[in-house]
Amino acid sequence: MSYMITSECINCSACEMECPVRAITAGPSQYVINPNVCIECQGYYPEARCKWACPVDACVPERSAYQFRNASLTNRGAPPVVLTANNPTGVKRMPIEVTSE
């Protein structure tokens, strides 16, 4: 079992530099740990280096219940806001109808 980074991640990159096998990379919204590369620092350090370096304790042993909850919350609710050059705020505005009286 490998470690994972929870949503408490503040993108400080402290864990990325501490990982001895470079299993941590920047994802689209936060850092992620590749479970195929992570060795939990077994045999190298008494505690996982990412867990030791994280200032907000976002690096924890992988938990399937947490991942299931995150996936289910992601699949419901409002769609993500897409920012474009024409609409930098992402807010859809209703067109104003001007009537002449």
PDB file of N, CA and C in Angstrom:
ATOM      1  N   MET A   1       0.856  -1.175   0.000  1.00  0.00           N
ATOM      2  CA  MET A   1       0.000   0.000   0.000  1.00  0.00           C
ATOM      3  C   MET A   1       0.898   1.233   0.000  1.00  0.00           C
ATOM      4  N   SER A   2       0.499   2.227  -0.775  1.00  0.00           N
ATOM      5  CA  SER A   2       1.292   3.453  -0.866  1.00  0.00           C
ATOM      6  C   SER A   2       0.630   4.582  -0.092  1.00  0.00           C
ATOM      7  N   TYR A   3       1.237   5.728  -0.169  1.00  0.00           N
ATOM      8  CA  TYR A   3       0.670   6.924   0.460  1.00  0.00           C
ATOM      9  C   TYR A   3      -0.164   7.672  -0.576  1.00  0.00           C
ATOM     10  N   MET A   4      -1.005   8.577  -0.090  1.00  0.00           N
ATOM     11  CA  MET A   4      -1.805   9.424  -0.961  1.00  0.00           C
ATOM     12  C   MET A   4      -1.813  10.839  -0.400  1.00  0.00           C
ATOM     13  N   ILE A   5      -2.187  11.807  -1.233  1.00  0.00           N
ATOM     14  CA  ILE A   5      -2.267  13.196  -0.801  1.00  0.00           C
ATOM     15  C   ILE A   5      -3.740  13.584  -0.793  1.00  0.00           C
ATOM     16  N   THR A   6      -4.209  14.042   0.353  1.00  0.00           N
ATOM     17  CA  THR A   6      -5.624  14.392   0.500  1.00  0.00           C
ATOM     18  C   THR A   6      -5.903  15.802  -0.020  1.00  0.00           C
ATOM     19  N   SER A   7      -7.163  16.189   0.011  1.00  0.00           N
ATOM     20  CA  SER A   7      -7.560  17.497  -0.519  1.00  0.00           C
ATOM     21  C   SER A   7      -7.079  18.659   0.345  1.00  0.00           C
ATOM     22  N   GLU A   8      -6.493  18.375   1.494  1.00  0.00           N
ATOM     23  CA  GLU A   8      -5.940  19.449   2.329  1.00  0.00           C
ATOM     24  C   GLU A   8      -4.645  20.017   1.754  1.00  0.00           C
ATOM     25  N   CYS A   9      -4.131  19.423   0.687  1.00  0.00           N
ATOM     26  CA  CYS A   9      -2.879  19.851   0.057  1.00  0.00           C
ATOM     27  C   CYS A   9      -2.935  21.332  -0.307  1.00  0.00           C
ATOM     28  N   ILE A  10      -1.869  22.069   0.031  1.00  0.00           N
ATOM     29  CA  ILE A  10      -1.797  23.505  -0.270  1.00  0.00           C
ATOM     30  C   ILE A  10      -0.809  23.800  -1.400  1.00  0.00           C
ATOM     31  N   ASN A  11      -0.358  22.771  -2.117  1.00  0.00           N
ATOM     32  CA  ASN A  11       0.542  22.913  -3.266  1.00  0.00           C
ATOM     33  C   ASN A  11       1.841  23.630  -2.932  1.00  0.00           C
ATOM     34  N   CYS A  12       2.439  23.269  -1.807  1.00  0.00           N
ATOM     35  CA  CYS A  12       3.686  23.930  -1.399  1.00  0.00           C
ATOM     36  C   CYS A  12       4.925  23.248  -1.975  1.00  0.00           C
ATOM     37  N   SER A  13       4.795  22.051  -2.505  1.00  0.00           N
ATOM     38  CA  SER A  13       5.859  21.242  -3.121  1.00  0.00           C
ATOM     39  C   SER A  13       6.906  20.727  -2.129  1.00  0.00           C
ATOM     40  N   ALA A  14       6.656  20.822  -0.841  1.00  0.00           N
ATOM     41  CA  ALA A  14       7.613  20.321   0.149  1.00  0.00           C
ATOM     42  C   ALA A  14       7.765  18.805   0.031  1.00  0.00           C
ATOM     43  N   CYS A  15       6.677  18.104  -0.205  1.00  0.00           N
ATOM     44  CA  CYS A  15       6.725  16.640  -0.284  1.00  0.00           C
ATOM     45  C   CYS A  15       7.439  16.170  -1.545  1.00  0.00           C
ATOM     46  N   GLU A  16       7.283  16.899  -2.637  1.00  0.00           N
ATOM     47  CA  GLU A  16       7.882  16.500  -3.907  1.00  0.00           C
ATOM     48  C   GLU A  16       9.402  16.410  -3.807  1.00  0.00           C
ATOM     49  N   MET A  17      10.016  17.366  -3.138  1.00  0.00           N
ATOM     50  CA  MET A  17      11.465  17.399  -3.010  1.00  0.00           C
ATOM     51  C   MET A  17      11.984  16.347  -2.031  1.00  0.00           C
ATOM     52  N   GLU A  18      11.153  15.921  -1.083  1.00  0.00           N
ATOM     53  CA  GLU A  18      11.595  14.964  -0.068  1.00  0.00           C
ATOM     54  C   GLU A  18      11.478  13.507  -0.503  1.00  0.00           C
ATOM     55  N   CYS A  19      10.674  13.225  -1.522  1.00  0.00           N
ATOM     56  CA  CYS A  19      10.450  11.839  -1.937  1.00  0.00           C
ATOM     57  C   CYS A  19      11.730  11.246  -2.535  1.00  0.00           C
ATOM     58  N   PRO A  20      12.252  10.148  -1.949  1.00  0.00           N
ATOM     59  CA  PRO A  20      13.511   9.581  -2.450  1.00  0.00           C
ATOM     60  C   PRO A  20      13.373   8.878  -3.801  1.00  0.00           C
ATOM     61  N   VAL A  21      12.159   8.474  -4.195  1.00  0.00           N
ATOM     62  CA  VAL A  21      11.970   7.776  -5.470  1.00  0.00           C
ATOM     63  C   VAL A  21      11.211   8.620  -6.488  1.00  0.00           C
ATOM     64  N   ARG A  22      10.964   9.882  -6.180  1.00  0.00           N
ATOM     65  CA  ARG A  22      10.274  10.830  -7.061  1.00  0.00           C
ATOM     66  C   ARG A  22       8.906  10.313  -7.509  1.00  0.00           C
ATOM     67  N   ALA A  23       8.137   9.802  -6.552  1.00  0.00           N
ATOM     68  CA  ALA A  23       6.791   9.306  -6.840  1.00  0.00           C
ATOM     69  C   ALA A  23       5.755  10.420  -6.820  1.00  0.00           C
ATOM     70  N   ILE A  24       6.133  11.603  -6.375  1.00  0.00           N
ATOM     71  CA  ILE A  24       5.188  12.714  -6.235  1.00  0.00           C
ATOM     72  C   ILE A  24       5.384  13.703  -7.375  1.00  0.00           C
ATOM     73  N   THR A  25       4.264  14.025  -8.043  1.00  0.00           N
ATOM     74  CA  THR A  25       4.292  14.991  -9.141  1.00  0.00           C
ATOM     75  C   THR A  25       3.137  15.965  -8.986  1.00  0.00           C
ATOM     76  N   ALA A  26       3.235  17.084  -9.676  1.00  0.00           N
ATOM     77  CA  ALA A  26       2.163  18.077  -9.645  1.00  0.00           C
ATOM     78  C   ALA A  26       1.031  17.604 -10.538  1.00  0.00           C
ATOM     79  N   GLY A  27      -0.174  17.549  -9.978  1.00  0.00           N
ATOM     80  CA  GLY A  27      -1.355  17.181 -10.742  1.00  0.00           C
ATOM     81  C   GLY A  27      -2.079  18.432 -11.212  1.00  0.00           C
ATOM     82  N   PRO A  28      -3.283  18.278 -11.771  1.00  0.00           N
ATOM     83  CA  PRO A  28      -4.016  19.448 -12.266  1.00  0.00           C
ATOM     84  C   PRO A  28      -4.430  20.431 -11.171  1.00  0.00           C
ATOM     85  N   SER A  29      -4.742  19.931  -9.968  1.00  0.00           N
ATOM     86  CA  SER A  29      -5.165  20.849  -8.910  1.00  0.00           C
ATOM     87  C   SER A  29      -4.369  20.695  -7.623  1.00  0.00           C
ATOM     88  N   GLN A  30      -3.647  19.592  -7.466  1.00  0.00           N
ATOM     89  CA  GLN A  30      -2.817  19.377  -6.284  1.00  0.00           C
ATOM     90  C   GLN A  30      -1.775  18.317  -6.623  1.00  0.00           C
ATOM     91  N   TYR A  31      -0.846  18.103  -5.724  1.00  0.00           N
ATOM     92  CA  TYR A  31       0.177  17.087  -5.948  1.00  0.00           C
ATOM     93  C   TYR A  31      -0.428  15.694  -5.786  1.00  0.00           C
ATOM     94  N   VAL A  32       0.115  14.736  -6.533  1.00  0.00           N
ATOM     95  CA  VAL A  32      -0.370  13.353  -6.473  1.00  0.00           C
ATOM     96  C   VAL A  32       0.813  12.405  -6.313  1.00  0.00           C
ATOM     97  N   ILE A  33       0.541  11.245  -5.722  1.00  0.00           N
ATOM     98  CA  ILE A  33       1.564  10.216  -5.535  1.00  0.00           C
ATOM     99  C   ILE A  33       1.245   9.045  -6.443  1.00  0.00           C
ATOM    100  N   ASN A  34       2.208   8.631  -7.240  1.00  0.00           N
ATOM    101  CA  ASN A  34       2.041   7.470  -8.116  1.00  0.00           C
ATOM    102  C   ASN A  34       2.151   6.217  -7.256  1.00  0.00           C
ATOM    103  N   PRO A  35       1.060   5.444  -7.080  1.00  0.00           N
ATOM    104  CA  PRO A  35       1.105   4.277  -6.197  1.00  0.00           C
ATOM    105  C   PRO A  35       2.007   3.158  -6.713  1.00  0.00           C
ATOM    106  N   ASN A  36       2.299   3.163  -8.012  1.00  0.00           N
ATOM    107  CA  ASN A  36       3.184   2.129  -8.573  1.00  0.00           C
ATOM    108  C   ASN A  36       4.654   2.409  -8.268  1.00  0.00           C
ATOM    109  N   VAL A  37       4.976   3.642  -7.917  1.00  0.00           N
ATOM    110  CA  VAL A  37       6.359   4.023  -7.642  1.00  0.00           C
ATOM    111  C   VAL A  37       6.615   4.166  -6.142  1.00  0.00           C
ATOM    112  N   CYS A  38       5.600   4.568  -5.380  1.00  0.00           N
ATOM    113  CA  CYS A  38       5.754   4.832  -3.942  1.00  0.00           C
ATOM    114  C   CYS A  38       6.183   3.573  -3.190  1.00  0.00           C
ATOM    115  N   ILE A  39       7.217   3.713  -2.367  1.00  0.00           N
ATOM    116  CA  ILE A  39       7.706   2.589  -1.557  1.00  0.00           C
ATOM    117  C   ILE A  39       7.489   2.831  -0.069  1.00  0.00           C
ATOM    118  N   GLU A  40       6.776   3.908   0.273  1.00  0.00           N
ATOM    119  CA  GLU A  40       6.493   4.294   1.659  1.00  0.00           C
ATOM    120  C   GLU A  40       7.765   4.508   2.470  1.00  0.00           C
ATOM    121  N   CYS A  41       8.880   4.677   1.815  1.00  0.00           N
ATOM    122  CA  CYS A  41      10.189   4.900   2.444  1.00  0.00           C
ATOM    123  C   CYS A  41      10.597   3.752   3.362  1.00  0.00           C
ATOM    124  N   GLN A  42      10.023   2.568   3.146  1.00  0.00           N
ATOM    125  CA  GLN A  42      10.365   1.414   3.978  1.00  0.00           C
ATOM    126  C   GLN A  42      11.808   1.011   3.727  1.00  0.00           C
ATOM    127  N   GLY A  43      12.549   0.879   4.800  1.00  0.00           N
ATOM    128  CA  GLY A  43      13.947   0.518   4.702  1.00  0.00           C
ATOM    129  C   GLY A  43      14.877   1.707   4.560  1.00  0.00           C
ATOM    130  N   TYR A  44      14.318   2.884   4.353  1.00  0.00           N
ATOM    131  CA  TYR A  44      15.128   4.086   4.201  1.00  0.00           C
ATOM    132  C   TYR A  44      14.998   5.013   5.409  1.00  0.00           C
ATOM    133  N   TYR A  45      13.767   5.253   5.824  1.00  0.00           N
ATOM    134  CA  TYR A  45      13.490   6.200   6.901  1.00  0.00           C
ATOM    135  C   TYR A  45      12.471   5.585   7.866  1.00  0.00           C
ATOM    136  N   PRO A  46      12.454   6.018   9.117  1.00  0.00           N
ATOM    137  CA  PRO A  46      11.468   5.474  10.069  1.00  0.00           C
ATOM    138  C   PRO A  46      10.035   5.922   9.764  1.00  0.00           C
ATOM    139  N   GLU A  47       9.879   7.045   9.068  1.00  0.00           N
ATOM    140  CA  GLU A  47       8.563   7.565   8.697  1.00  0.00           C
ATOM    141  C   GLU A  47       8.639   8.036   7.253  1.00  0.00           C
ATOM    142  N   ALA A  48       7.532   7.944   6.525  1.00  0.00           N
ATOM    143  CA  ALA A  48       7.522   8.385   5.126  1.00  0.00           C
ATOM    144  C   ALA A  48       7.954   9.849   5.045  1.00  0.00           C
ATOM    145  N   ARG A  49       8.838  10.156   4.121  1.00  0.00           N
ATOM    146  CA  ARG A  49       9.379  11.517   4.014  1.00  0.00           C
ATOM    147  C   ARG A  49       8.310  12.537   3.628  1.00  0.00           C
ATOM    148  N   CYS A  50       7.364  12.134   2.801  1.00  0.00           N
ATOM    149  CA  CYS A  50       6.308  13.080   2.415  1.00  0.00           C
ATOM    150  C   CYS A  50       5.456  13.446   3.627  1.00  0.00           C
ATOM    151  N   LYS A  51       5.155  12.465   4.461  1.00  0.00           N
ATOM    152  CA  LYS A  51       4.370  12.722   5.670  1.00  0.00           C
ATOM    153  C   LYS A  51       5.158  13.625   6.619  1.00  0.00           C
ATOM    154  N   TRP A  52       6.443  13.393   6.718  1.00  0.00           N
ATOM    155  CA  TRP A  52       7.306  14.188   7.592  1.00  0.00           C
ATOM    156  C   TRP A  52       7.395  15.633   7.100  1.00  0.00           C
ATOM    157  N   ALA A  53       7.448  15.844   5.776  1.00  0.00           N
ATOM    158  CA  ALA A  53       7.670  17.176   5.214  1.00  0.00           C
ATOM    159  C   ALA A  53       6.403  18.004   5.067  1.00  0.00           C
ATOM    160  N   CYS A  54       5.253  17.380   5.016  1.00  0.00           N
ATOM    161  CA  CYS A  54       4.004  18.109   4.740  1.00  0.00           C
ATOM    162  C   CYS A  54       3.595  18.990   5.920  1.00  0.00           C
ATOM    163  N   PRO A  55       3.439  20.304   5.689  1.00  0.00           N
ATOM    164  CA  PRO A  55       3.080  21.206   6.789  1.00  0.00           C
ATOM    165  C   PRO A  55       1.614  21.101   7.223  1.00  0.00           C
ATOM    166  N   VAL A  56       0.748  20.505   6.387  1.00  0.00           N
ATOM    167  CA  VAL A  56      -0.683  20.403   6.735  1.00  0.00           C
ATOM    168  C   VAL A  56      -1.134  18.959   6.902  1.00  0.00           C
ATOM    169  N   ASP A  57      -0.205  18.030   6.980  1.00  0.00           N
ATOM    170  CA  ASP A  57      -0.496  16.596   7.155  1.00  0.00           C
ATOM    171  C   ASP A  57      -1.438  16.053   6.093  1.00  0.00           C
ATOM    172  N   ALA A  58      -1.202  16.409   4.828  1.00  0.00           N
ATOM    173  CA  ALA A  58      -2.036  15.927   3.734  1.00  0.00           C
ATOM    174  C   ALA A  58      -1.543  14.592   3.183  1.00  0.00           C
ATOM    175  N   CYS A  59      -0.334  14.169   3.518  1.00  0.00           N
ATOM    176  CA  CYS A  59       0.207  12.894   3.055  1.00  0.00           C
ATOM    177  C   CYS A  59      -0.122  11.814   4.084  1.00  0.00           C
ATOM    178  N   VAL A  60      -0.962  10.869   3.675  1.00  0.00           N
ATOM    179  CA  VAL A  60      -1.424   9.818   4.584  1.00  0.00           C
ATOM    180  C   VAL A  60      -1.383   8.470   3.860  1.00  0.00           C
ATOM    181  N   PRO A  61      -1.395   7.353   4.608  1.00  0.00           N
ATOM    182  CA  PRO A  61      -1.502   6.056   3.932  1.00  0.00           C
ATOM    183  C   PRO A  61      -2.780   6.005   3.097  1.00  0.00           C
ATOM    184  N   GLU A  62      -2.685   5.353   1.954  1.00  0.00           N
ATOM    185  CA  GLU A  62      -3.816   5.291   1.024  1.00  0.00           C
ATOM    186  C   GLU A  62      -5.031   4.642   1.671  1.00  0.00           C
ATOM    187  N   ARG A  63      -6.193   5.305   1.519  1.00  0.00           N
ATOM    188  CA  ARG A  63      -7.442   4.786   2.095  1.00  0.00           C
ATOM    189  C   ARG A  63      -8.490   4.716   0.995  1.00  0.00           C
ATOM    190  N   SER A  64      -9.032   3.533   0.774  1.00  0.00           N
ATOM    191  CA  SER A  64     -10.019   3.366  -0.292  1.00  0.00           C
ATOM    192  C   SER A  64     -11.318   4.097   0.020  1.00  0.00           C
ATOM    193  N   ALA A  65     -11.712   4.183   1.296  1.00  0.00           N
ATOM    194  CA  ALA A  65     -12.946   4.882   1.664  1.00  0.00           C
ATOM    195  C   ALA A  65     -12.852   6.368   1.318  1.00  0.00           C
ATOM    196  N   TYR A  66     -11.691   6.981   1.552  1.00  0.00           N
ATOM    197  CA  TYR A  66     -11.492   8.395   1.227  1.00  0.00           C
ATOM    198  C   TYR A  66     -11.578   8.603  -0.281  1.00  0.00           C
ATOM    199  N   GLN A  67     -10.944   7.721  -1.042  1.00  0.00           N
ATOM    200  CA  GLN A  67     -10.955   7.854  -2.492  1.00  0.00           C
ATOM    201  C   GLN A  67     -12.357   7.665  -3.054  1.00  0.00           C
ATOM    202  N   PHE A  68     -13.137   6.733  -2.496  1.00  0.00           N
ATOM    203  CA  PHE A  68     -14.506   6.514  -2.951  1.00  0.00           C
ATOM    204  C   PHE A  68     -15.357   7.748  -2.676  1.00  0.00           C
ATOM    205  N   ARG A  69     -15.212   8.331  -1.486  1.00  0.00           N
ATOM    206  CA  ARG A  69     -15.976   9.521  -1.125  1.00  0.00           C
ATOM    207  C   ARG A  69     -15.628  10.695  -2.045  1.00  0.00           C
ATOM    208  N   ASN A  70     -14.359  10.880  -2.320  1.00  0.00           N
ATOM    209  CA  ASN A  70     -13.940  11.963  -3.213  1.00  0.00           C
ATOM    210  C   ASN A  70     -14.494  11.764  -4.616  1.00  0.00           C
ATOM    211  N   ALA A  71     -14.452  10.533  -5.109  1.00  0.00           N
ATOM    212  CA  ALA A  71     -14.960  10.256  -6.453  1.00  0.00           C
ATOM    213  C   ALA A  71     -16.464  10.499  -6.532  1.00  0.00           C
ATOM    214  N   SER A  72     -17.200  10.096  -5.508  1.00  0.00           N
ATOM    215  CA  SER A  72     -18.651  10.295  -5.538  1.00  0.00           C
ATOM    216  C   SER A  72     -19.012  11.770  -5.417  1.00  0.00           C
ATOM    217  N   LEU A  73     -18.266  12.542  -4.638  1.00  0.00           N
ATOM    218  CA  LEU A  73     -18.529  13.973  -4.538  1.00  0.00           C
ATOM    219  C   LEU A  73     -18.174  14.703  -5.833  1.00  0.00           C
ATOM    220  N   THR A  74     -17.176  14.208  -6.532  1.00  0.00           N
ATOM    221  CA  THR A  74     -16.768  14.823  -7.780  1.00  0.00           C
ATOM    222  C   THR A  74     -17.828  14.628  -8.861  1.00  0.00           C
ATOM    223  N   ASN A  75     -18.517  13.498  -8.814  1.00  0.00           N
ATOM    224  CA  ASN A  75     -19.486  13.168  -9.860  1.00  0.00           C
ATOM    225  C   ASN A  75     -20.850  13.810  -9.677  1.00  0.00           C
ATOM    226  N   ARG A  76     -21.045  14.587  -8.643  1.00  0.00           N
ATOM    227  CA  ARG A  76     -22.325  15.257  -8.472  1.00  0.00           C
ATOM    228  C   ARG A  76     -22.097  16.748  -8.257  1.00  0.00           C
ATOM    229  N   GLY A  77     -23.136  17.496  -8.330  1.00  0.00           N
ATOM    230  CA  GLY A  77     -23.004  18.927  -8.121  1.00  0.00           C
ATOM    231  C   GLY A  77     -22.875  19.684  -9.422  1.00  0.00           C
ATOM    232  N   ALA A  78     -22.543  20.931  -9.314  1.00  0.00           N
ATOM    233  CA  ALA A  78     -22.441  21.816 -10.472  1.00  0.00           C
ATOM    234  C   ALA A  78     -21.225  21.468 -11.308  1.00  0.00           C
ATOM    235  N   PRO A  79     -21.311  21.646 -12.614  1.00  0.00           N
ATOM    236  CA  PRO A  79     -20.147  21.396 -13.458  1.00  0.00           C
ATOM    237  C   PRO A  79     -19.052  22.420 -13.166  1.00  0.00           C
ATOM    238  N   PRO A  80     -17.815  22.098 -13.487  1.00  0.00           N
ATOM    239  CA  PRO A  80     -16.728  23.047 -13.213  1.00  0.00           C
ATOM    240  C   PRO A  80     -16.870  24.316 -14.056  1.00  0.00           C
ATOM    241  N   VAL A  81     -16.374  25.410 -13.533  1.00  0.00           N
ATOM    242  CA  VAL A  81     -16.405  26.687 -14.234  1.00  0.00           C
ATOM    243  C   VAL A  81     -15.206  26.751 -15.166  1.00  0.00           C
ATOM    244  N   VAL A  82     -15.452  27.081 -16.419  1.00  0.00           N
ATOM    245  CA  VAL A  82     -14.381  27.169 -17.404  1.00  0.00           C
ATOM    246  C   VAL A  82     -14.139  28.637 -17.712  1.00  0.00           C
ATOM    247  N   LEU A  83     -12.897  29.060 -17.506  1.00  0.00           N
ATOM    248  CA  LEU A  83     -12.527  30.450 -17.777  1.00  0.00           C
ATOM    249  C   LEU A  83     -11.963  30.556 -19.180  1.00  0.00           C
ATOM    250  N   THR A  84     -12.390  31.553 -19.923  1.00  0.00           N
ATOM    251  CA  THR A  84     -11.883  31.782 -21.269  1.00  0.00           C
ATOM    252  C   THR A  84     -11.476  33.240 -21.406  1.00  0.00           C
ATOM    253  N   ALA A  85     -10.876  33.577 -22.538  1.00  0.00           N
ATOM    254  CA  ALA A  85     -10.470  34.963 -22.779  1.00  0.00           C
ATOM    255  C   ALA A  85     -11.699  35.866 -22.889  1.00  0.00           C
ATOM    256  N   ASN A  86     -12.777  35.352 -23.473  1.00  0.00           N
ATOM    257  CA  ASN A  86     -14.003  36.143 -23.619  1.00  0.00           C
ATOM    258  C   ASN A  86     -14.774  36.249 -22.318  1.00  0.00           C
ATOM    259  N   ASN A  87     -14.574  35.289 -21.422  1.00  0.00           N
ATOM    260  CA  ASN A  87     -15.307  35.257 -20.156  1.00  0.00           C
ATOM    261  C   ASN A  87     -14.329  34.939 -19.024  1.00  0.00           C
ATOM    262  N   PRO A  88     -13.503  35.907 -18.593  1.00  0.00           N
ATOM    263  CA  PRO A  88     -12.465  35.623 -17.598  1.00  0.00           C
ATOM    264  C   PRO A  88     -12.984  35.333 -16.194  1.00  0.00           C
ATOM    265  N   THR A  89     -14.229  35.672 -15.899  1.00  0.00           N
ATOM    266  CA  THR A  89     -14.767  35.401 -14.563  1.00  0.00           C
ATOM    267  C   THR A  89     -15.470  34.061 -14.483  1.00  0.00           C
ATOM    268  N   GLY A  90     -15.835  33.490 -15.626  1.00  0.00           N
ATOM    269  CA  GLY A  90     -16.528  32.214 -15.643  1.00  0.00           C
ATOM    270  C   GLY A  90     -18.004  32.313 -15.326  1.00  0.00           C
ATOM    271  N   VAL A  91     -18.509  33.526 -15.125  1.00  0.00           N
ATOM    272  CA  VAL A  91     -19.914  33.725 -14.782  1.00  0.00           C
ATOM    273  C   VAL A  91     -20.715  33.908 -16.058  1.00  0.00           C
ATOM    274  N   LYS A  92     -21.778  33.119 -16.177  1.00  0.00           N
ATOM    275  CA  LYS A  92     -22.650  33.273 -17.343  1.00  0.00           C
ATOM    276  C   LYS A  92     -23.612  34.422 -17.072  1.00  0.00           C
ATOM    277  N   ARG A  93     -23.666  35.328 -18.001  1.00  0.00           N
ATOM    278  CA  ARG A  93     -24.553  36.479 -17.837  1.00  0.00           C
ATOM    279  C   ARG A  93     -25.684  36.388 -18.852  1.00  0.00           C
ATOM    280  N   MET A  94     -26.838  36.671 -18.362  1.00  0.00           N
ATOM    281  CA  MET A  94     -28.007  36.671 -19.238  1.00  0.00           C
ATOM    282  C   MET A  94     -27.964  37.933 -20.097  1.00  0.00           C
ATOM    283  N   PRO A  95     -28.288  37.810 -21.377  1.00  0.00           N
ATOM    284  CA  PRO A  95     -28.298  39.017 -22.215  1.00  0.00           C
ATOM    285  C   PRO A  95     -29.410  39.970 -21.783  1.00  0.00           C
ATOM    286  N   ILE A  96     -29.089  41.219 -21.804  1.00  0.00           N
ATOM    287  CA  ILE A  96     -30.063  42.245 -21.431  1.00  0.00           C
ATOM    288  C   ILE A  96     -30.852  42.632 -22.667  1.00  0.00           C
ATOM    289  N   GLU A  97     -32.152  42.510 -22.554  1.00  0.00           N
ATOM    290  CA  GLU A  97     -32.997  42.881 -23.671  1.00  0.00           C
ATOM    291  C   GLU A  97     -33.381  44.342 -23.528  1.00  0.00           C
ATOM    292  N   VAL A  98     -33.110  45.094 -24.554  1.00  0.00           N
ATOM    293  CA  VAL A  98     -33.455  46.510 -24.547  1.00  0.00           C
ATOM    294  C   VAL A  98     -34.732  46.669 -25.353  1.00  0.00           C
ATOM    295  N   THR A  99     -35.730  47.209 -24.724  1.00  0.00           N
ATOM    296  CA  THR A  99     -36.986  47.442 -25.424  1.00  0.00           C
ATOM    297  C   THR A  99     -37.193  48.940 -25.585  1.00  0.00           C
ATOM    298  N   SER A 100     -37.657  49.298 -26.736  1.00  0.00           N
ATOM    299  CA  SER A 100     -37.929  50.724 -26.965  1.00  0.00           C
ATOM    300  C   SER A 100     -39.428  50.960 -26.815  1.00  0.00           C
ATOM    301  N   GLU A 101     -39.751  51.898 -26.024  1.00  0.00           N
ATOM    302  CA  GLU A 101     -41.166  52.200 -25.783  1.00  0.00           C
ATOM    303  C   GLU A 101     -41.515  53.548 -26.302  1.00  0.00           C
TER     304      GLU A 101
END
